[in-house]
Amino acid sequence: MCGHREDAEEVSQDTLLKVFESFDKLQDPEKVKAWVFRIAKNYCLMKRRKSVFAPERELSLDELLPSTTGEARPMQVPDDAELPDEQVLRSELNGELERALRELPEIYRSAVLLRDVEGLSTAEAAEVLDVNEDTVKQRLHRGRLALRKSLAGYLEVAK
């Protein structure tokens, strides 16, 4: 939801700090999961608003190092359970899926992420997003359709 791993890590830290500071203000202990996600969503949105002029993508120093320098770059041990071509295809599909998720409008992206990635129930997602359950269902449906349309071209070529 934040768009960058570093931003997500910072938002996670801020969220946990806020949760520990405000835990005594929690009115309904059964809804702690939705409460934490709502705090995280708000921090993420604030972070994105602050970084309007930030570059689209920050390059990691690891990305800039030549791959032939074994000492400067950490060695990746391949997974024996998956063949290299399967790793490439999975990585490519993950990249396409991340791209498609980034292109979704915010209201649809947040519904899809909360329900399909984080596994929240419709009621919990509705509470986090501060909308009713029917709105979450509608946004989720439209978000999934948009993802399907966005990925259709890639999946046809991949076959």
C-alpha atoms as a PDB file:
ATOM      1  CA  MET A   1       0.000   0.000   0.000  1.00  0.00           C
ATOM      2  CA  CYS A   2       2.916   2.338   0.636  1.00  0.00           C
ATOM      3  CA  GLY A   3       4.570   1.582  -2.673  1.00  0.00           C
ATOM      4  CA  HIS A   4       8.113   1.200  -1.316  1.00  0.00           C
ATOM      5  CA  ARG A   5       9.528  -1.366   1.044  1.00  0.00           C
ATOM      6  CA  GLU A   6      11.413   1.255   3.047  1.00  0.00           C
ATOM      7  CA  ASP A   7       8.257   3.350   3.497  1.00  0.00           C
ATOM      8  CA  ALA A   8       6.330   0.248   4.569  1.00  0.00           C
ATOM      9  CA  GLU A   9       8.994  -0.587   7.156  1.00  0.00           C
ATOM     10  CA  GLU A  10       8.855   2.944   8.532  1.00  0.00           C
ATOM     11  CA  VAL A  11       5.039   2.887   8.597  1.00  0.00           C
ATOM     12  CA  SER A  12       5.159  -0.461  10.434  1.00  0.00           C
ATOM     13  CA  GLN A  13       7.411   0.995  13.111  1.00  0.00           C
ATOM     14  CA  ASP A  14       5.255   4.103  13.478  1.00  0.00           C
ATOM     15  CA  THR A  15       2.129   1.947  13.663  1.00  0.00           C
ATOM     16  CA  LEU A  16       3.508  -0.304  16.384  1.00  0.00           C
ATOM     17  CA  LEU A  17       4.655   2.682  18.387  1.00  0.00           C
ATOM     18  CA  LYS A  18       1.217   4.291  18.099  1.00  0.00           C
ATOM     19  CA  VAL A  19      -0.500   1.011  19.051  1.00  0.00           C
ATOM     20  CA  PHE A  20       1.571   0.676  22.210  1.00  0.00           C
ATOM     21  CA  GLU A  21       1.053   4.334  23.118  1.00  0.00           C
ATOM     22  CA  SER A  22      -2.715   4.197  22.541  1.00  0.00           C
ATOM     23  CA  PHE A  23      -3.589   0.651  23.583  1.00  0.00           C
ATOM     24  CA  ASP A  24      -5.417   1.894  26.675  1.00  0.00           C
ATOM     25  CA  LYS A  25      -7.768   3.908  24.407  1.00  0.00           C
ATOM     26  CA  LEU A  26      -8.973   0.783  22.560  1.00  0.00           C
ATOM     27  CA  GLN A  27     -12.688   0.531  23.283  1.00  0.00           C
ATOM     28  CA  ASP A  28     -13.455  -2.901  21.821  1.00  0.00           C
ATOM     29  CA  PRO A  29     -10.675  -5.490  22.320  1.00  0.00           C
ATOM     30  CA  GLU A  30     -12.323  -7.853  19.803  1.00  0.00           C
ATOM     31  CA  LYS A  31     -11.641  -5.348  17.036  1.00  0.00           C
ATOM     32  CA  VAL A  32      -7.927  -4.910  17.715  1.00  0.00           C
ATOM     33  CA  LYS A  33      -6.910  -6.247  14.275  1.00  0.00           C
ATOM     34  CA  ALA A  34      -9.042  -3.735  12.392  1.00  0.00           C
ATOM     35  CA  TRP A  35      -7.891  -0.964  14.760  1.00  0.00           C
ATOM     36  CA  VAL A  36      -4.219  -1.710  14.035  1.00  0.00           C
ATOM     37  CA  PHE A  37      -4.842  -1.841  10.281  1.00  0.00           C
ATOM     38  CA  ARG A  38      -6.680   1.487  10.418  1.00  0.00           C
ATOM     39  CA  ILE A  39      -3.704   3.081  12.181  1.00  0.00           C
ATOM     40  CA  ALA A  40      -1.342   1.578   9.588  1.00  0.00           C
ATOM     41  CA  LYS A  41      -3.539   2.795   6.719  1.00  0.00           C
ATOM     42  CA  ASN A  42      -3.573   6.321   8.115  1.00  0.00           C
ATOM     43  CA  TYR A  43       0.217   6.374   8.588  1.00  0.00           C
ATOM     44  CA  CYS A  44       0.690   5.050   5.072  1.00  0.00           C
ATOM     45  CA  LEU A  45      -1.557   7.732   3.595  1.00  0.00           C
ATOM     46  CA  MET A  46       0.240  10.427   5.580  1.00  0.00           C
ATOM     47  CA  LYS A  47       3.596   9.085   4.398  1.00  0.00           C
ATOM     48  CA  ARG A  48       2.459   9.140   0.768  1.00  0.00           C
ATOM     49  CA  ARG A  49       1.152  12.692   1.089  1.00  0.00           C
ATOM     50  CA  LYS A  50       4.478  13.856   2.495  1.00  0.00           C
ATOM     51  CA  SER A  51       6.452  12.241  -0.300  1.00  0.00           C
ATOM     52  CA  VAL A  52       4.590  13.825  -3.231  1.00  0.00           C
ATOM     53  CA  PHE A  53       7.847  15.229  -4.588  1.00  0.00           C
ATOM     54  CA  ALA A  54       9.893  12.145  -3.812  1.00  0.00           C
ATOM     55  CA  PRO A  55      11.334  10.225  -6.741  1.00  0.00           C
ATOM     56  CA  GLU A  56       9.095   7.488  -8.144  1.00  0.00           C
ATOM     57  CA  ARG A  57      11.603   4.825  -7.230  1.00  0.00           C
ATOM     58  CA  GLU A  58      14.713   4.927  -5.117  1.00  0.00           C
ATOM     59  CA  LEU A  59      17.615   2.796  -6.231  1.00  0.00           C
ATOM     60  CA  SER A  60      19.259   0.535  -3.716  1.00  0.00           C
ATOM     61  CA  LEU A  61      23.049   0.406  -3.590  1.00  0.00           C
ATOM     62  CA  ASP A  62      22.747  -3.366  -4.016  1.00  0.00           C
ATOM     63  CA  GLU A  63      21.002  -2.828  -7.345  1.00  0.00           C
ATOM     64  CA  LEU A  64      23.852  -0.671  -8.607  1.00  0.00           C
ATOM     65  CA  LEU A  65      26.614  -3.150  -7.782  1.00  0.00           C
ATOM     66  CA  PRO A  66      27.799  -5.348 -10.626  1.00  0.00           C
ATOM     67  CA  SER A  67      26.594  -8.914 -10.206  1.00  0.00           C
ATOM     68  CA  THR A  68      30.095 -10.327 -10.732  1.00  0.00           C
ATOM     69  CA  THR A  69      31.387  -8.934  -7.418  1.00  0.00           C
ATOM     70  CA  GLY A  70      30.723 -11.861  -5.080  1.00  0.00           C
ATOM     71  CA  GLU A  71      32.171 -10.158  -2.004  1.00  0.00           C
ATOM     72  CA  ALA A  72      30.268  -6.884  -2.161  1.00  0.00           C
ATOM     73  CA  ARG A  73      26.911  -8.444  -2.940  1.00  0.00           C
ATOM     74  CA  PRO A  74      25.306 -11.012  -0.628  1.00  0.00           C
ATOM     75  CA  MET A  75      25.164 -14.448  -2.169  1.00  0.00           C
ATOM     76  CA  GLN A  76      21.686 -15.767  -2.878  1.00  0.00           C
ATOM     77  CA  VAL A  77      21.270 -19.500  -2.356  1.00  0.00           C
ATOM     78  CA  PRO A  78      18.788 -20.851  -4.896  1.00  0.00           C
ATOM     79  CA  ASP A  79      15.752 -22.782  -3.736  1.00  0.00           C
ATOM     80  CA  ASP A  80      16.147 -26.431  -4.776  1.00  0.00           C
ATOM     81  CA  ALA A  81      12.395 -26.939  -4.840  1.00  0.00           C
ATOM     82  CA  GLU A  82      11.857 -24.532  -7.740  1.00  0.00           C
ATOM     83  CA  LEU A  83      13.612 -24.608 -11.092  1.00  0.00           C
ATOM     84  CA  PRO A  84      15.337 -21.424 -12.305  1.00  0.00           C
ATOM     85  CA  ASP A  85      12.855 -20.877 -15.135  1.00  0.00           C
ATOM     86  CA  GLU A  86       9.981 -21.197 -12.654  1.00  0.00           C
ATOM     87  CA  GLN A  87      11.679 -18.626 -10.417  1.00  0.00           C
ATOM     88  CA  VAL A  88      11.973 -16.218 -13.335  1.00  0.00           C
ATOM     89  CA  LEU A  89       8.329 -16.708 -14.324  1.00  0.00           C
ATOM     90  CA  ARG A  90       7.144 -16.311 -10.723  1.00  0.00           C
ATOM     91  CA  SER A  91       9.273 -13.197 -10.279  1.00  0.00           C
ATOM     92  CA  GLU A  92       7.951 -11.757 -13.519  1.00  0.00           C
ATOM     93  CA  LEU A  93       4.356 -12.522 -12.531  1.00  0.00           C
ATOM     94  CA  ASN A  94       4.915 -10.937  -9.096  1.00  0.00           C
ATOM     95  CA  GLY A  95       6.292  -7.837 -10.796  1.00  0.00           C
ATOM     96  CA  GLU A  96       3.272  -7.629 -13.092  1.00  0.00           C
ATOM     97  CA  LEU A  97       0.920  -8.131 -10.165  1.00  0.00           C
ATOM     98  CA  GLU A  98       2.654  -5.411  -8.139  1.00  0.00           C
ATOM     99  CA  ARG A  99       2.486  -3.082 -11.145  1.00  0.00           C
ATOM    100  CA  ALA A 100      -1.216  -3.811 -11.602  1.00  0.00           C
ATOM    101  CA  LEU A 101      -1.878  -3.213  -7.900  1.00  0.00           C
ATOM    102  CA  ARG A 102       0.007   0.117  -8.003  1.00  0.00           C
ATOM    103  CA  GLU A 103      -2.094   1.227 -10.970  1.00  0.00           C
ATOM    104  CA  LEU A 104      -5.380   0.542  -9.181  1.00  0.00           C
ATOM    105  CA  PRO A 105      -7.130   3.604  -7.773  1.00  0.00           C
ATOM    106  CA  GLU A 106      -6.521   3.919  -4.025  1.00  0.00           C
ATOM    107  CA  ILE A 107     -10.074   2.985  -2.963  1.00  0.00           C
ATOM    108  CA  TYR A 108      -9.930  -0.301  -4.888  1.00  0.00           C
ATOM    109  CA  ARG A 109      -6.310  -1.074  -3.978  1.00  0.00           C
ATOM    110  CA  SER A 110      -6.930  -0.765  -0.260  1.00  0.00           C
ATOM    111  CA  ALA A 111      -9.975  -3.077  -0.438  1.00  0.00           C
ATOM    112  CA  VAL A 112      -8.075  -5.698  -2.461  1.00  0.00           C
ATOM    113  CA  LEU A 113      -5.011  -5.533  -0.201  1.00  0.00           C
ATOM    114  CA  LEU A 114      -6.992  -5.795   3.025  1.00  0.00           C
ATOM    115  CA  ARG A 115      -9.210  -8.674   1.843  1.00  0.00           C
ATOM    116  CA  ASP A 116      -7.005 -10.695  -0.526  1.00  0.00           C
ATOM    117  CA  VAL A 117      -3.498 -10.026   0.768  1.00  0.00           C
ATOM    118  CA  GLU A 118      -3.992  -9.428   4.482  1.00  0.00           C
ATOM    119  CA  GLY A 119      -6.943 -11.818   4.795  1.00  0.00           C
ATOM    120  CA  LEU A 120      -9.264  -9.531   6.724  1.00  0.00           C
ATOM    121  CA  SER A 121     -12.969 -10.272   6.713  1.00  0.00           C
ATOM    122  CA  THR A 122     -15.354  -7.948   4.913  1.00  0.00           C
ATOM    123  CA  ALA A 123     -16.501  -6.532   8.262  1.00  0.00           C
ATOM    124  CA  GLU A 124     -12.917  -5.891   9.403  1.00  0.00           C
ATOM    125  CA  ALA A 125     -12.003  -4.270   6.086  1.00  0.00           C
ATOM    126  CA  ALA A 126     -15.119  -2.090   6.314  1.00  0.00           C
ATOM    127  CA  GLU A 127     -14.072  -0.946   9.757  1.00  0.00           C
ATOM    128  CA  VAL A 128     -10.514  -0.175   8.646  1.00  0.00           C
ATOM    129  CA  LEU A 129     -11.712   1.761   5.600  1.00  0.00           C
ATOM    130  CA  ASP A 130     -14.511   3.431   7.575  1.00  0.00           C
ATOM    131  CA  VAL A 131     -17.208   2.399   5.076  1.00  0.00           C
ATOM    132  CA  ASN A 132     -20.055  -0.121   5.165  1.00  0.00           C
ATOM    133  CA  GLU A 133     -19.646  -3.754   4.137  1.00  0.00           C
ATOM    134  CA  ASP A 134     -21.527  -3.346   0.854  1.00  0.00           C
ATOM    135  CA  THR A 135     -19.091  -0.631  -0.194  1.00  0.00           C
ATOM    136  CA  VAL A 136     -16.141  -2.924   0.575  1.00  0.00           C
ATOM    137  CA  LYS A 137     -17.733  -5.699  -1.500  1.00  0.00           C
ATOM    138  CA  GLN A 138     -18.311  -3.296  -4.378  1.00  0.00           C
ATOM    139  CA  ARG A 139     -14.762  -1.912  -4.266  1.00  0.00           C
ATOM    140  CA  LEU A 140     -13.316  -5.406  -3.974  1.00  0.00           C
ATOM    141  CA  HIS A 141     -15.299  -6.613  -6.983  1.00  0.00           C
ATOM    142  CA  ARG A 142     -14.318  -3.623  -9.103  1.00  0.00           C
ATOM    143  CA  GLY A 143     -10.695  -3.853  -7.974  1.00  0.00           C
ATOM    144  CA  ARG A 144     -10.510  -7.535  -8.889  1.00  0.00           C
ATOM    145  CA  LEU A 145     -12.057  -6.841 -12.292  1.00  0.00           C
ATOM    146  CA  ALA A 146      -9.535  -4.069 -12.916  1.00  0.00           C
ATOM    147  CA  LEU A 147      -6.683  -6.381 -11.895  1.00  0.00           C
ATOM    148  CA  ARG A 148      -7.985  -9.118 -14.183  1.00  0.00           C
ATOM    149  CA  LYS A 149      -8.195  -6.658 -17.084  1.00  0.00           C
ATOM    150  CA  SER A 150      -4.730  -5.263 -16.364  1.00  0.00           C
ATOM    151  CA  LEU A 151      -3.145  -8.722 -16.174  1.00  0.00           C
ATOM    152  CA  ALA A 152      -5.059 -10.241 -19.118  1.00  0.00           C
ATOM    153  CA  GLY A 153      -2.507  -9.183 -21.725  1.00  0.00           C
ATOM    154  CA  TYR A 154       0.435 -10.482 -19.721  1.00  0.00           C
ATOM    155  CA  LEU A 155      -1.244 -13.798 -18.950  1.00  0.00           C
ATOM    156  CA  GLU A 156      -2.190 -14.368 -22.603  1.00  0.00           C
ATOM    157  CA  VAL A 157       1.434 -13.853 -23.679  1.00  0.00           C
ATOM    158  CA  ALA A 158       2.745 -16.016 -20.813  1.00  0.00           C
ATOM    159  CA  LYS A 159       0.754 -19.041 -21.975  1.00  0.00           C
END
